[in-house]
Amino acid sequence: MGFRVNPNRQCCGSLAEVEQYYQDWSLRRLNLPYLTDGVVIKLNSLDLQDRLGFTNKAPRWAIAWKYPPEEAPTRVENILVSVGARVR
């Protein structure tokens, strides 16, 4: 139908392949021209998708596997304190 799809998708045949894909992209994602915080894992079998169904908010046959959050130090450069008055 001509839908654009991410060229970095992969069909995995086992949970080990899914884990390897996740590990590979945990570093490769840093070179993408956009931000990403994880991968989405979906069952490819329409029969299994039908059998698993949906919750109220999401399909049971798809899950987002998030990467650990990025951490960076922060330095506070200035603090303005006021009580009940607007500081100008």
N, C-alpha and C. Protein backbone atom coordinates (compact mmCIF):
# COMPACT_ATOMS: atom_id res chain seq x y z
N MET A 1 0.81 -1.19 0.00
CA MET A 1 0.00 0.00 0.00
C MET A 1 0.86 1.26 0.00
N GLY A 2 2.17 1.10 0.07
CA GLY A 2 3.04 2.26 -0.03
C GLY A 2 3.35 2.96 1.28
N PHE A 3 2.97 2.36 2.42
CA PHE A 3 3.29 2.99 3.69
C PHE A 3 4.80 3.01 3.89
N ARG A 4 5.31 4.12 4.43
CA ARG A 4 6.72 4.19 4.76
C ARG A 4 6.93 3.45 6.08
N VAL A 5 7.95 2.61 6.12
CA VAL A 5 8.28 1.88 7.34
C VAL A 5 9.75 2.11 7.66
N ASN A 6 10.10 1.92 8.90
CA ASN A 6 11.48 2.12 9.33
C ASN A 6 12.36 1.04 8.68
N PRO A 7 13.42 1.44 8.00
CA PRO A 7 14.29 0.45 7.34
C PRO A 7 15.10 -0.38 8.34
N ASN A 8 15.11 -0.01 9.60
CA ASN A 8 15.88 -0.73 10.62
C ASN A 8 15.09 -1.83 11.31
N ARG A 9 13.91 -2.13 10.80
CA ARG A 9 13.10 -3.21 11.39
C ARG A 9 13.75 -4.55 11.10
N GLN A 10 13.38 -5.54 11.88
CA GLN A 10 13.93 -6.89 11.67
C GLN A 10 12.92 -7.91 12.16
N CYS A 11 12.77 -8.98 11.43
CA CYS A 11 11.92 -10.09 11.84
C CYS A 11 12.82 -11.10 12.55
N CYS A 12 12.52 -11.36 13.81
CA CYS A 12 13.34 -12.27 14.63
C CYS A 12 12.62 -13.60 14.79
N GLY A 13 13.39 -14.67 14.82
CA GLY A 13 12.82 -16.01 14.93
C GLY A 13 12.83 -16.58 16.33
N SER A 14 13.42 -15.85 17.29
CA SER A 14 13.49 -16.36 18.66
C SER A 14 13.65 -15.20 19.63
N LEU A 15 13.44 -15.47 20.91
CA LEU A 15 13.65 -14.45 21.93
C LEU A 15 15.11 -14.03 22.01
N ALA A 16 16.02 -14.96 21.74
CA ALA A 16 17.45 -14.62 21.73
C ALA A 16 17.75 -13.60 20.63
N GLU A 17 17.13 -13.75 19.47
CA GLU A 17 17.33 -12.79 18.38
C GLU A 17 16.74 -11.43 18.75
N VAL A 18 15.61 -11.43 19.42
CA VAL A 18 15.00 -10.17 19.87
C VAL A 18 15.95 -9.46 20.83
N GLU A 19 16.50 -10.20 21.78
CA GLU A 19 17.42 -9.61 22.75
C GLU A 19 18.68 -9.08 22.06
N GLN A 20 19.19 -9.80 21.07
CA GLN A 20 20.38 -9.35 20.34
C GLN A 20 20.09 -8.06 19.57
N TYR A 21 18.91 -8.00 18.94
CA TYR A 21 18.49 -6.80 18.22
C TYR A 21 18.43 -5.61 19.18
N TYR A 22 17.83 -5.80 20.34
CA TYR A 22 17.72 -4.75 21.36
C TYR A 22 19.11 -4.28 21.79
N GLN A 23 20.01 -5.22 22.07
CA GLN A 23 21.37 -4.87 22.51
C GLN A 23 22.12 -4.12 21.41
N ASP A 24 22.01 -4.58 20.17
CA ASP A 24 22.68 -3.91 19.05
C ASP A 24 22.23 -2.46 18.91
N TRP A 25 20.92 -2.24 19.01
CA TRP A 25 20.38 -0.91 18.81
C TRP A 25 20.53 -0.01 20.03
N SER A 26 20.88 -0.57 21.18
CA SER A 26 21.08 0.28 22.35
C SER A 26 22.24 1.25 22.11
N LEU A 27 23.21 0.87 21.27
CA LEU A 27 24.32 1.76 20.91
C LEU A 27 24.12 2.41 19.54
N ARG A 28 23.63 1.65 18.57
CA ARG A 28 23.46 2.19 17.21
C ARG A 28 22.46 3.34 17.19
N ARG A 29 21.51 3.37 18.11
CA ARG A 29 20.48 4.41 18.12
C ARG A 29 21.08 5.80 18.32
N LEU A 30 22.26 5.86 18.94
CA LEU A 30 22.90 7.16 19.19
C LEU A 30 23.33 7.84 17.90
N ASN A 31 23.43 7.09 16.79
CA ASN A 31 23.82 7.64 15.50
C ASN A 31 22.63 7.94 14.59
N LEU A 32 21.42 7.70 15.08
CA LEU A 32 20.23 7.99 14.27
C LEU A 32 19.98 9.49 14.22
N PRO A 33 19.34 10.00 13.16
CA PRO A 33 19.04 11.43 13.08
C PRO A 33 17.81 11.84 13.90
N TYR A 34 17.29 10.93 14.71
CA TYR A 34 16.14 11.20 15.58
C TYR A 34 16.35 10.46 16.89
N LEU A 35 15.61 10.86 17.92
CA LEU A 35 15.73 10.23 19.23
C LEU A 35 14.83 9.00 19.32
N THR A 36 15.27 8.00 20.05
CA THR A 36 14.46 6.82 20.31
C THR A 36 14.77 6.33 21.71
N ASP A 37 13.77 5.80 22.39
CA ASP A 37 13.97 5.35 23.77
C ASP A 37 13.74 3.86 23.96
N GLY A 38 13.63 3.11 22.86
CA GLY A 38 13.44 1.67 22.97
C GLY A 38 13.03 1.07 21.63
N VAL A 39 12.69 -0.21 21.68
CA VAL A 39 12.21 -0.91 20.49
C VAL A 39 10.82 -1.46 20.78
N VAL A 40 10.03 -1.62 19.74
CA VAL A 40 8.70 -2.22 19.87
C VAL A 40 8.78 -3.64 19.34
N ILE A 41 8.32 -4.57 20.15
CA ILE A 41 8.33 -6.00 19.78
C ILE A 41 6.89 -6.41 19.51
N LYS A 42 6.67 -6.98 18.32
CA LYS A 42 5.32 -7.40 17.94
C LYS A 42 5.34 -8.83 17.46
N LEU A 43 4.27 -9.56 17.74
CA LEU A 43 4.11 -10.90 17.16
C LEU A 43 3.67 -10.73 15.72
N ASN A 44 4.25 -11.49 14.84
CA ASN A 44 3.98 -11.37 13.41
C ASN A 44 2.82 -12.26 12.97
N SER A 45 2.38 -13.18 13.78
CA SER A 45 1.32 -14.10 13.43
C SER A 45 -0.06 -13.47 13.69
N LEU A 46 -0.85 -13.31 12.63
CA LEU A 46 -2.19 -12.74 12.81
C LEU A 46 -3.06 -13.63 13.68
N ASP A 47 -2.87 -14.96 13.59
CA ASP A 47 -3.63 -15.88 14.42
C ASP A 47 -3.32 -15.66 15.91
N LEU A 48 -2.03 -15.54 16.24
CA LEU A 48 -1.65 -15.29 17.63
C LEU A 48 -2.12 -13.91 18.09
N GLN A 49 -2.08 -12.92 17.21
CA GLN A 49 -2.57 -11.59 17.57
C GLN A 49 -4.06 -11.65 17.92
N ASP A 50 -4.84 -12.37 17.11
CA ASP A 50 -6.27 -12.51 17.39
C ASP A 50 -6.51 -13.23 18.72
N ARG A 51 -5.72 -14.27 18.99
CA ARG A 51 -5.89 -15.04 20.22
C ARG A 51 -5.51 -14.24 21.46
N LEU A 52 -4.48 -13.41 21.36
CA LEU A 52 -4.05 -12.61 22.50
C LEU A 52 -4.94 -11.40 22.75
N GLY A 53 -5.44 -10.80 21.69
CA GLY A 53 -6.38 -9.69 21.84
C GLY A 53 -5.76 -8.41 22.36
N PHE A 54 -6.59 -7.61 23.05
CA PHE A 54 -6.21 -6.28 23.50
C PHE A 54 -6.58 -6.09 24.96
N THR A 55 -5.86 -5.18 25.62
CA THR A 55 -6.31 -4.65 26.91
C THR A 55 -7.17 -3.43 26.58
N ASN A 56 -7.56 -2.66 27.59
CA ASN A 56 -8.33 -1.45 27.33
C ASN A 56 -7.53 -0.42 26.55
N LYS A 57 -6.20 -0.45 26.67
CA LYS A 57 -5.37 0.59 26.07
C LYS A 57 -4.42 0.11 24.99
N ALA A 58 -4.09 -1.16 24.95
CA ALA A 58 -3.03 -1.60 24.04
C ALA A 58 -3.20 -3.07 23.64
N PRO A 59 -2.59 -3.45 22.52
CA PRO A 59 -2.63 -4.87 22.14
C PRO A 59 -1.72 -5.70 23.05
N ARG A 60 -2.13 -6.92 23.31
CA ARG A 60 -1.29 -7.82 24.12
C ARG A 60 -0.16 -8.44 23.31
N TRP A 61 -0.19 -8.27 22.00
CA TRP A 61 0.79 -8.88 21.11
C TRP A 61 1.90 -7.90 20.70
N ALA A 62 1.94 -6.73 21.33
CA ALA A 62 2.99 -5.75 21.06
C ALA A 62 3.43 -5.12 22.37
N ILE A 63 4.73 -4.91 22.54
CA ILE A 63 5.25 -4.32 23.76
C ILE A 63 6.45 -3.43 23.44
N ALA A 64 6.58 -2.35 24.18
CA ALA A 64 7.75 -1.48 24.03
C ALA A 64 8.80 -1.90 25.05
N TRP A 65 9.99 -2.17 24.57
CA TRP A 65 11.12 -2.53 25.45
C TRP A 65 12.03 -1.31 25.48
N LYS A 66 11.97 -0.57 26.60
CA LYS A 66 12.67 0.70 26.73
C LYS A 66 14.12 0.50 27.13
N TYR A 67 14.97 1.43 26.67
CA TYR A 67 16.37 1.46 27.09
C TYR A 67 16.45 2.14 28.45
N PRO A 68 17.50 1.88 29.21
CA PRO A 68 17.67 2.61 30.49
C PRO A 68 17.77 4.11 30.21
N PRO A 69 17.29 4.93 31.13
CA PRO A 69 17.34 6.38 30.89
C PRO A 69 18.78 6.88 30.84
N GLU A 70 18.99 7.89 30.01
CA GLU A 70 20.31 8.51 29.93
C GLU A 70 20.48 9.40 31.16
N GLU A 71 21.68 9.41 31.74
CA GLU A 71 21.95 10.22 32.91
C GLU A 71 23.08 11.18 32.60
N ALA A 72 22.95 12.40 33.09
CA ALA A 72 23.99 13.41 32.89
C ALA A 72 24.00 14.32 34.11
N PRO A 73 25.17 14.82 34.50
CA PRO A 73 25.23 15.74 35.64
C PRO A 73 24.62 17.09 35.28
N THR A 74 24.06 17.75 36.27
CA THR A 74 23.47 19.07 36.10
C THR A 74 24.08 20.01 37.13
N ARG A 75 24.34 21.24 36.70
CA ARG A 75 24.88 22.23 37.61
C ARG A 75 23.86 23.36 37.75
N VAL A 76 23.49 23.69 38.99
CA VAL A 76 22.58 24.80 39.25
C VAL A 76 23.41 26.07 39.23
N GLU A 77 23.05 27.00 38.35
CA GLU A 77 23.82 28.23 38.20
C GLU A 77 23.22 29.40 38.95
N ASN A 78 21.93 29.37 39.24
CA ASN A 78 21.29 30.49 39.91
C ASN A 78 19.97 30.04 40.52
N ILE A 79 19.64 30.62 41.69
CA ILE A 79 18.35 30.35 42.34
C ILE A 79 17.76 31.68 42.76
N LEU A 80 16.51 31.91 42.40
CA LEU A 80 15.77 33.08 42.86
C LEU A 80 14.71 32.60 43.83
N VAL A 81 14.69 33.21 45.02
CA VAL A 81 13.75 32.82 46.06
C VAL A 81 12.78 33.96 46.27
N SER A 82 11.48 33.63 46.30
CA SER A 82 10.47 34.65 46.59
C SER A 82 9.32 34.00 47.30
N VAL A 83 8.62 34.81 48.11
CA VAL A 83 7.44 34.34 48.81
C VAL A 83 6.30 35.27 48.49
N GLY A 84 5.36 34.82 47.72
CA GLY A 84 4.14 35.56 47.45
C GLY A 84 4.31 36.81 46.61
N ALA A 85 5.47 37.13 46.17
CA ALA A 85 5.67 38.30 45.34
C ALA A 85 6.35 37.89 44.05
N ARG A 86 6.02 38.61 43.03
CA ARG A 86 6.61 38.32 41.72
C ARG A 86 7.99 38.99 41.65
N VAL A 87 8.99 38.24 41.29
CA VAL A 87 10.35 38.76 41.16
C VAL A 87 10.52 39.30 39.76
N ARG A 88 11.05 40.53 39.68
CA ARG A 88 11.27 41.14 38.35
C ARG A 88 12.72 41.28 38.06
